[in-house]
Each structure stands twice: as C-alpha cells, then as structure tokens.
C-alpha atoms as a PDB file:
ATOM      1  CA  UNK A   1     132.071 199.768  86.444  1.00  0.00           C
ATOM      2  CA  UNK A   2     134.266 200.756  83.492  1.00  0.00           C
ATOM      3  CA  UNK A   3     131.233 202.094  81.632  1.00  0.00           C
ATOM      4  CA  UNK A   4     130.107 204.258  84.570  1.00  0.00           C
ATOM      5  CA  UNK A   5     133.298 205.361  86.373  1.00  0.00           C
ATOM      6  CA  UNK A   6     131.827 208.565  87.761  1.00  0.00           C
ATOM      7  CA  UNK A   7     128.994 206.742  89.476  1.00  0.00           C
ATOM      8  CA  UNK A   8     131.273 204.264  91.182  1.00  0.00           C
ATOM      9  CA  UNK A   9     133.932 206.807  92.122  1.00  0.00           C
ATOM     10  CA  UNK A  10     131.234 208.951  93.719  1.00  0.00           C
ATOM     11  CA  UNK A  11     129.877 205.919  95.549  1.00  0.00           C
ATOM     12  CA  UNK A  12     133.366 204.983  96.747  1.00  0.00           C
ATOM     13  CA  UNK A  13     133.867 208.447  98.252  1.00  0.00           C
ATOM     14  CA  UNK A  14     130.496 208.194  99.992  1.00  0.00           C
ATOM     15  CA  UNK A  15     131.538 204.819 101.379  1.00  0.00           C
ATOM     16  CA  UNK A  16     134.689 206.399 102.825  1.00  0.00           C
ATOM     17  CA  UNK A  17     132.813 209.330 104.374  1.00  0.00           C
ATOM     18  CA  UNK A  18     130.171 206.974 105.762  1.00  0.00           C
ATOM     19  CA  UNK A  19     132.870 204.826 107.337  1.00  0.00           C
ATOM     20  CA  UNK A  20     134.387 207.999 108.789  1.00  0.00           C
ATOM     21  CA  UNK A  21     131.070 208.879 110.409  1.00  0.00           C
ATOM     22  CA  UNK A  22     130.528 205.366 111.685  1.00  0.00           C
ATOM     23  CA  UNK A  23     133.967 205.254 113.352  1.00  0.00           C
ATOM     24  CA  UNK A  24     133.934 208.813 114.674  1.00  0.00           C
ATOM     25  CA  UNK A  25     133.479 209.355 118.419  1.00  0.00           C
ATOM     26  CA  UNK A  26     130.335 211.038 119.656  1.00  0.00           C
ATOM     27  CA  UNK A  27     130.286 214.695 118.682  1.00  0.00           C
ATOM     28  CA  UNK A  28     132.849 214.443 115.908  1.00  0.00           C
ATOM     29  CA  UNK A  29     130.333 212.915 113.508  1.00  0.00           C
ATOM     30  CA  UNK A  30     128.016 215.877 114.135  1.00  0.00           C
ATOM     31  CA  UNK A  31     130.919 218.237 113.435  1.00  0.00           C
ATOM     32  CA  UNK A  32     131.601 216.558 110.073  1.00  0.00           C
ATOM     33  CA  UNK A  33     127.935 216.752 109.066  1.00  0.00           C
ATOM     34  CA  UNK A  34     127.569 220.411 109.974  1.00  0.00           C
ATOM     35  CA  UNK A  35     130.889 221.343 108.367  1.00  0.00           C
ATOM     36  CA  UNK A  36     129.840 219.770 105.052  1.00  0.00           C
ATOM     37  CA  UNK A  37     126.228 220.920 105.079  1.00  0.00           C
ATOM     38  CA  UNK A  38     124.860 223.190 102.398  1.00  0.00           C
ATOM     39  CA  UNK A  39     122.754 225.162 104.860  1.00  0.00           C
ATOM     40  CA  UNK A  40     122.511 228.944 104.898  1.00  0.00           C
ATOM     41  CA  UNK A  41     125.343 229.405 107.367  1.00  0.00           C
ATOM     42  CA  UNK A  42     127.812 227.301 105.401  1.00  0.00           C
ATOM     43  CA  UNK A  43     126.713 228.722 102.042  1.00  0.00           C
ATOM     44  CA  UNK A  44     127.301 232.239 103.359  1.00  0.00           C
ATOM     45  CA  UNK A  45     130.794 231.511 104.702  1.00  0.00           C
ATOM     46  CA  UNK A  46     132.090 228.597 102.588  1.00  0.00           C
ATOM     47  CA  UNK A  47     129.878 228.363  99.457  1.00  0.00           C
ATOM     48  CA  UNK A  48     132.145 226.165  97.327  1.00  0.00           C
ATOM     49  CA  UNK A  49     132.889 223.704 100.119  1.00  0.00           C
ATOM     50  CA  UNK A  50     129.221 223.617 101.096  1.00  0.00           C
ATOM     51  CA  UNK A  51     127.986 222.836  97.584  1.00  0.00           C
ATOM     52  CA  UNK A  52     130.681 220.256  96.829  1.00  0.00           C
ATOM     53  CA  UNK A  53     131.082 218.677 100.233  1.00  0.00           C
ATOM     54  CA  UNK A  54     127.374 218.105 100.789  1.00  0.00           C
ATOM     55  CA  UNK A  55     127.287 215.810  97.757  1.00  0.00           C
ATOM     56  CA  UNK A  56     129.678 213.294  99.328  1.00  0.00           C
ATOM     57  CA  UNK A  57     128.060 212.612 102.690  1.00  0.00           C
ATOM     58  CA  UNK A  58     124.927 210.811 103.867  1.00  0.00           C
ATOM     59  CA  UNK A  59     123.533 211.466 107.312  1.00  0.00           C
ATOM     60  CA  UNK A  60     123.135 207.835 108.359  1.00  0.00           C
ATOM     61  CA  UNK A  61     125.945 205.397 107.409  1.00  0.00           C
ATOM     62  CA  UNK A  62     123.447 202.562 107.779  1.00  0.00           C
ATOM     63  CA  UNK A  63     121.775 203.801 104.575  1.00  0.00           C
ATOM     64  CA  UNK A  64     124.893 203.183 102.486  1.00  0.00           C
ATOM     65  CA  UNK A  65     123.586 199.921 101.022  1.00  0.00           C
ATOM     66  CA  UNK A  66     120.337 201.598  99.991  1.00  0.00           C
ATOM     67  CA  UNK A  67     122.237 204.373  98.248  1.00  0.00           C
ATOM     68  CA  UNK A  68     124.484 201.831  96.537  1.00  0.00           C
ATOM     69  CA  UNK A  69     121.386 200.193  95.048  1.00  0.00           C
ATOM     70  CA  UNK A  70     119.949 203.564  93.983  1.00  0.00           C
ATOM     71  CA  UNK A  71     123.241 204.535  92.341  1.00  0.00           C
ATOM     72  CA  UNK A  72     123.216 201.310  90.319  1.00  0.00           C
ATOM     73  CA  UNK A  73     119.557 201.699  89.353  1.00  0.00           C
ATOM     74  CA  UNK A  74     119.600 205.420  88.498  1.00  0.00           C
ATOM     75  CA  UNK A  75     123.058 206.937  88.072  1.00  0.00           C
ATOM     76  CA  UNK A  76     124.874 204.044  86.398  1.00  0.00           C
ATOM     77  CA  UNK A  77     122.380 203.548  83.516  1.00  0.00           C
ATOM     78  CA  UNK A  78     122.280 207.297  82.830  1.00  0.00           C
ATOM     79  CA  UNK A  79     126.073 207.605  82.813  1.00  0.00           C
ATOM     80  CA  UNK A  80     126.424 204.609  80.466  1.00  0.00           C
ATOM     81  CA  UNK A  81     123.784 206.078  78.180  1.00  0.00           C
ATOM     82  CA  UNK A  82     124.840 209.745  78.080  1.00  0.00           C
ATOM     83  CA  UNK A  83     128.509 209.478  78.922  1.00  0.00           C
ATOM     84  CA  UNK A  84     130.187 210.761  82.050  1.00  0.00           C
ATOM     85  CA  UNK A  85     130.286 214.442  81.064  1.00  0.00           C
ATOM     86  CA  UNK A  86     126.583 214.792  80.276  1.00  0.00           C
ATOM     87  CA  UNK A  87     125.538 212.730  83.277  1.00  0.00           C
ATOM     88  CA  UNK A  88     127.741 214.809  85.562  1.00  0.00           C
ATOM     89  CA  UNK A  89     126.404 218.055  84.112  1.00  0.00           C
ATOM     90  CA  UNK A  90     122.838 216.902  84.790  1.00  0.00           C
ATOM     91  CA  UNK A  91     123.335 215.821  88.391  1.00  0.00           C
ATOM     92  CA  UNK A  92     125.662 218.715  89.275  1.00  0.00           C
ATOM     93  CA  UNK A  93     123.249 221.281  87.856  1.00  0.00           C
ATOM     94  CA  UNK A  94     120.379 219.746  89.805  1.00  0.00           C
ATOM     95  CA  UNK A  95     122.368 219.489  93.037  1.00  0.00           C
ATOM     96  CA  UNK A  96     123.557 223.099  92.897  1.00  0.00           C
ATOM     97  CA  UNK A  97     120.340 224.680  91.629  1.00  0.00           C
ATOM     98  CA  UNK A  98     118.041 222.737  93.963  1.00  0.00           C
ATOM     99  CA  UNK A  99     120.270 223.529  96.939  1.00  0.00           C
ATOM    100  CA  UNK A 100     120.417 227.253  96.200  1.00  0.00           C
ATOM    101  CA  UNK A 101     116.704 227.591  95.471  1.00  0.00           C
ATOM    102  CA  UNK A 102     115.568 225.557  98.473  1.00  0.00           C
ATOM    103  CA  UNK A 103     117.901 227.437 100.808  1.00  0.00           C
ATOM    104  CA  UNK A 104     116.644 230.741  99.408  1.00  0.00           C
ATOM    105  CA  UNK A 105     113.160 229.582 100.410  1.00  0.00           C
ATOM    106  CA  UNK A 106     114.474 228.872 103.906  1.00  0.00           C
ATOM    107  CA  UNK A 107     116.020 232.354 104.052  1.00  0.00           C
ATOM    108  CA  UNK A 108     112.748 234.010 103.053  1.00  0.00           C
ATOM    109  CA  UNK A 109     110.863 231.907 105.595  1.00  0.00           C
ATOM    110  CA  UNK A 110     113.280 233.007 108.323  1.00  0.00           C
ATOM    111  CA  UNK A 111     112.886 236.662 107.337  1.00  0.00           C
ATOM    112  CA  UNK A 112     109.096 236.284 107.438  1.00  0.00           C
ATOM    113  CA  UNK A 113     109.354 234.569 110.845  1.00  0.00           C
ATOM    114  CA  UNK A 114     107.692 231.436 109.479  1.00  0.00           C
ATOM    115  CA  UNK A 115     110.534 229.201 110.693  1.00  0.00           C
ATOM    116  CA  UNK A 116     113.090 229.672 113.508  1.00  0.00           C
ATOM    117  CA  UNK A 117     116.530 231.153 112.805  1.00  0.00           C
ATOM    118  CA  UNK A 118     118.063 227.822 113.773  1.00  0.00           C
ATOM    119  CA  UNK A 119     117.039 226.576 110.305  1.00  0.00           C
ATOM    120  CA  UNK A 120     120.081 228.430 108.992  1.00  0.00           C
ATOM    121  CA  UNK A 121     122.269 225.847 110.741  1.00  0.00           C
ATOM    122  CA  UNK A 122     120.282 222.685 110.056  1.00  0.00           C
ATOM    123  CA  UNK A 123     122.183 219.702 108.602  1.00  0.00           C
ATOM    124  CA  UNK A 124     121.578 219.650 104.847  1.00  0.00           C
ATOM    125  CA  UNK A 125     123.636 216.999 103.117  1.00  0.00           C
ATOM    126  CA  UNK A 126     123.122 214.043 100.853  1.00  0.00           C
ATOM    127  CA  UNK A 127     122.987 212.857  97.300  1.00  0.00           C
ATOM    128  CA  UNK A 128     119.240 212.718  96.795  1.00  0.00           C
ATOM    129  CA  UNK A 129     119.031 215.781  94.544  1.00  0.00           C
ATOM    130  CA  UNK A 130     121.381 214.153  92.043  1.00  0.00           C
ATOM    131  CA  UNK A 131     119.409 210.924  92.210  1.00  0.00           C
ATOM    132  CA  UNK A 132     116.189 212.800  91.502  1.00  0.00           C
ATOM    133  CA  UNK A 133     117.801 214.424  88.445  1.00  0.00           C
ATOM    134  CA  UNK A 134     118.928 211.049  87.121  1.00  0.00           C
ATOM    135  CA  UNK A 135     115.429 209.697  87.701  1.00  0.00           C
ATOM    136  CA  UNK A 136     114.115 212.576  85.613  1.00  0.00           C
ATOM    137  CA  UNK A 137     116.388 212.267  82.614  1.00  0.00           C
ATOM    138  CA  UNK A 138     116.109 208.467  82.709  1.00  0.00           C
ATOM    139  CA  UNK A 139     112.508 208.980  81.562  1.00  0.00           C
ATOM    140  CA  UNK A 140     113.769 209.363  77.998  1.00  0.00           C
ATOM    141  CA  UNK A 141     115.578 206.027  78.175  1.00  0.00           C
ATOM    142  CA  UNK A 142     112.433 204.098  79.082  1.00  0.00           C
ATOM    143  CA  UNK A 143     110.583 202.346  76.249  1.00  0.00           C
ATOM    144  CA  UNK A 144     107.901 204.630  74.842  1.00  0.00           C
ATOM    145  CA  UNK A 145     104.998 202.423  75.876  1.00  0.00           C
ATOM    146  CA  UNK A 146     106.181 202.428  79.502  1.00  0.00           C
ATOM    147  CA  UNK A 147     107.374 206.025  79.589  1.00  0.00           C
ATOM    148  CA  UNK A 148     104.087 207.656  80.701  1.00  0.00           C
ATOM    149  CA  UNK A 149     103.725 205.153  83.535  1.00  0.00           C
ATOM    150  CA  UNK A 150     107.320 205.686  84.685  1.00  0.00           C
ATOM    151  CA  UNK A 151     106.968 209.471  84.496  1.00  0.00           C
ATOM    152  CA  UNK A 152     103.704 209.427  86.437  1.00  0.00           C
ATOM    153  CA  UNK A 153     105.297 207.284  89.143  1.00  0.00           C
ATOM    154  CA  UNK A 154     108.360 209.545  89.363  1.00  0.00           C
ATOM    155  CA  UNK A 155     106.283 212.728  89.536  1.00  0.00           C
ATOM    156  CA  UNK A 156     104.014 211.227  92.187  1.00  0.00           C
ATOM    157  CA  UNK A 157     106.994 210.010  94.222  1.00  0.00           C
ATOM    158  CA  UNK A 158     108.500 213.486  94.444  1.00  0.00           C
ATOM    159  CA  UNK A 159     105.438 215.719  94.201  1.00  0.00           C
ATOM    160  CA  UNK A 160     103.167 214.068  96.783  1.00  0.00           C
ATOM    161  CA  UNK A 161     105.621 214.670  99.680  1.00  0.00           C
ATOM    162  CA  UNK A 162     106.037 218.289  98.543  1.00  0.00           C
ATOM    163  CA  UNK A 163     102.287 218.885  98.576  1.00  0.00           C
ATOM    164  CA  UNK A 164     101.839 217.043 101.860  1.00  0.00           C
ATOM    165  CA  UNK A 165     104.802 218.223 103.931  1.00  0.00           C
ATOM    166  CA  UNK A 166     106.059 221.302 102.036  1.00  0.00           C
ATOM    167  CA  UNK A 167     109.632 221.008 103.317  1.00  0.00           C
ATOM    168  CA  UNK A 168     112.573 222.660 101.616  1.00  0.00           C
ATOM    169  CA  UNK A 169     114.075 219.212 100.959  1.00  0.00           C
ATOM    170  CA  UNK A 170     110.914 218.069  99.177  1.00  0.00           C
ATOM    171  CA  UNK A 171     111.085 221.262  97.100  1.00  0.00           C
ATOM    172  CA  UNK A 172     114.690 220.443  96.190  1.00  0.00           C
ATOM    173  CA  UNK A 173     113.706 216.944  95.091  1.00  0.00           C
ATOM    174  CA  UNK A 174     110.893 218.235  92.890  1.00  0.00           C
ATOM    175  CA  UNK A 175     113.186 220.845  91.329  1.00  0.00           C
ATOM    176  CA  UNK A 176     115.864 218.231  90.678  1.00  0.00           C
ATOM    177  CA  UNK A 177     113.377 215.965  88.942  1.00  0.00           C
ATOM    178  CA  UNK A 178     112.267 218.905  86.786  1.00  0.00           C
ATOM    179  CA  UNK A 179     115.880 219.742  85.930  1.00  0.00           C
ATOM    180  CA  UNK A 180     116.505 216.151  84.908  1.00  0.00           C
ATOM    181  CA  UNK A 181     113.471 216.275  82.634  1.00  0.00           C
ATOM    182  CA  UNK A 182     114.600 219.639  81.241  1.00  0.00           C
ATOM    183  CA  UNK A 183     117.950 218.104  80.237  1.00  0.00           C
ATOM    184  CA  UNK A 184     116.280 216.257  77.368  1.00  0.00           C
ATOM    185  CA  UNK A 185     118.519 217.996  74.754  1.00  0.00           C
ATOM    186  CA  UNK A 186     121.494 216.159  76.282  1.00  0.00           C
ATOM    187  CA  UNK A 187     119.920 212.852  75.254  1.00  0.00           C
ATOM    188  CA  UNK A 188     120.092 213.762  71.570  1.00  0.00           C
ATOM    189  CA  UNK A 189     123.434 212.382  70.504  1.00  0.00           C
ATOM    190  CA  UNK A 190     125.158 214.220  67.626  1.00  0.00           C
ATOM    191  CA  UNK A 191     125.211 212.294  64.354  1.00  0.00           C
ATOM    192  CA  UNK A 192     129.025 212.014  64.362  1.00  0.00           C
ATOM    193  CA  UNK A 193     129.117 210.576  67.895  1.00  0.00           C
ATOM    194  CA  UNK A 194     128.978 206.826  68.246  1.00  0.00           C
ATOM    195  CA  UNK A 195     126.730 205.328  70.943  1.00  0.00           C
ATOM    196  CA  UNK A 196     128.367 203.859  74.011  1.00  0.00           C
ATOM    197  CA  UNK A 197     129.203 200.219  73.365  1.00  0.00           C
ATOM    198  CA  UNK A 198     127.800 197.637  75.790  1.00  0.00           C
ATOM    199  CA  UNK A 199     130.206 196.025  78.203  1.00  0.00           C
ATOM    200  CA  UNK A 200     131.874 192.887  76.898  1.00  0.00           C
ATOM    201  CA  UNK A 201     131.815 189.675  78.852  1.00  0.00           C
ATOM    202  CA  UNK A 202     134.959 188.050  80.257  1.00  0.00           C
ATOM    203  CA  UNK A 203     137.290 186.891  77.506  1.00  0.00           C
ATOM    204  CA  UNK A 204     135.439 188.741  74.762  1.00  0.00           C
ATOM    205  CA  UNK A 205     137.289 190.849  72.186  1.00  0.00           C
END
C-alpha cells in the first residue's frame, strides 16, 4: 500500500461512497448518483464536480469487491512502476477526455434525434475509464514475448463491445485504452531518476 498510495486512497473513497449508497434510503441513492454523474446536464451546470465526482462512485455497491481486485491488478502495478504523479496523469487524462468525447457524441446524437433527450440526464459514473487507461499503459510493463498477446486481449476486450453495441460508454473505454497506450513516453524514466524500489518484507532494512 505504501508503494501505491493513490490507488488505495482512491479505493478507500469508493468504499465510503459505496457504503453511503448501500445505507441510503430509497430515492436518496438515486439522488447521489445523478448528482455525481458526468452526463450532459451535470457537465453543463457543474462541470468540475461532474468530472471529479463521477470518478469516486460506482453504481452498484455490490461490485466493490470486483473493483478492489481490478484496482490491485491494474492501478497498483502501474502506480508502483511509474510513480503516483505519472499514474495519476494517465488515468485523469483518460477519465476526463473519454468523458468529454463520449458525452459530445451523446449531444450530437440528441441533436440528430438518434437518441431521446433523456440521455442528457442518464447516470454516468464509475472508474472504468481510468482502469482502461491503466490497462493500456500496463502493456509496456509486460514482458516483450507476452506483450503482443496481452495487447491483443486488451484491444479485443474493449473494441468488440464497441463494434457490437456502439454505446457511448464503450466508446469511452476504447478511447481510454488508446490514451493509456499513447502515454508510452511516461514510461521512459529519465536517466537521473532512480527506479521505484520494491517493497521490503517485515523486519527488513
């Protein structure tokens, strides 16, 4: 945990918000989700809160354990490898860019009457865009002989749903993966910068 503080702090906040949803009376949980959504309505009226708040909520508290596993598998290794600042830049860029682009697609679809106007108020929260970005940049941490296989699996995982369902969320996932891959320059550590030391076991010095 000391080597990936951002990952675990983020996860702790999500645990608190998930507990809040789970303990909220009927109706109040819906209010929290809509208030912290990054949909068109919230982006138009509260853009900063929408972009930040949506990254700290998941729609179903029952999925918390699954997200905890994904954070340990994707975010934690990337943060240990790149450092907190570079990891945070990667996931924040993906979360913001994918949200704005996907919601712009929704706006155009509404204007063209391809989707109902109610799409402007749909619940749009979660941490999956950041996870997709970490999955992308993690490609460069995989051993070279396994890298093509990992990349093919990651691309298929995010691209197949986009081609099949063509939802704005699937578009956001694909964009986030691409942003993670595009952050390759962040993996090139300057010569003067020492690599992150592995965690020491109990009692080690």
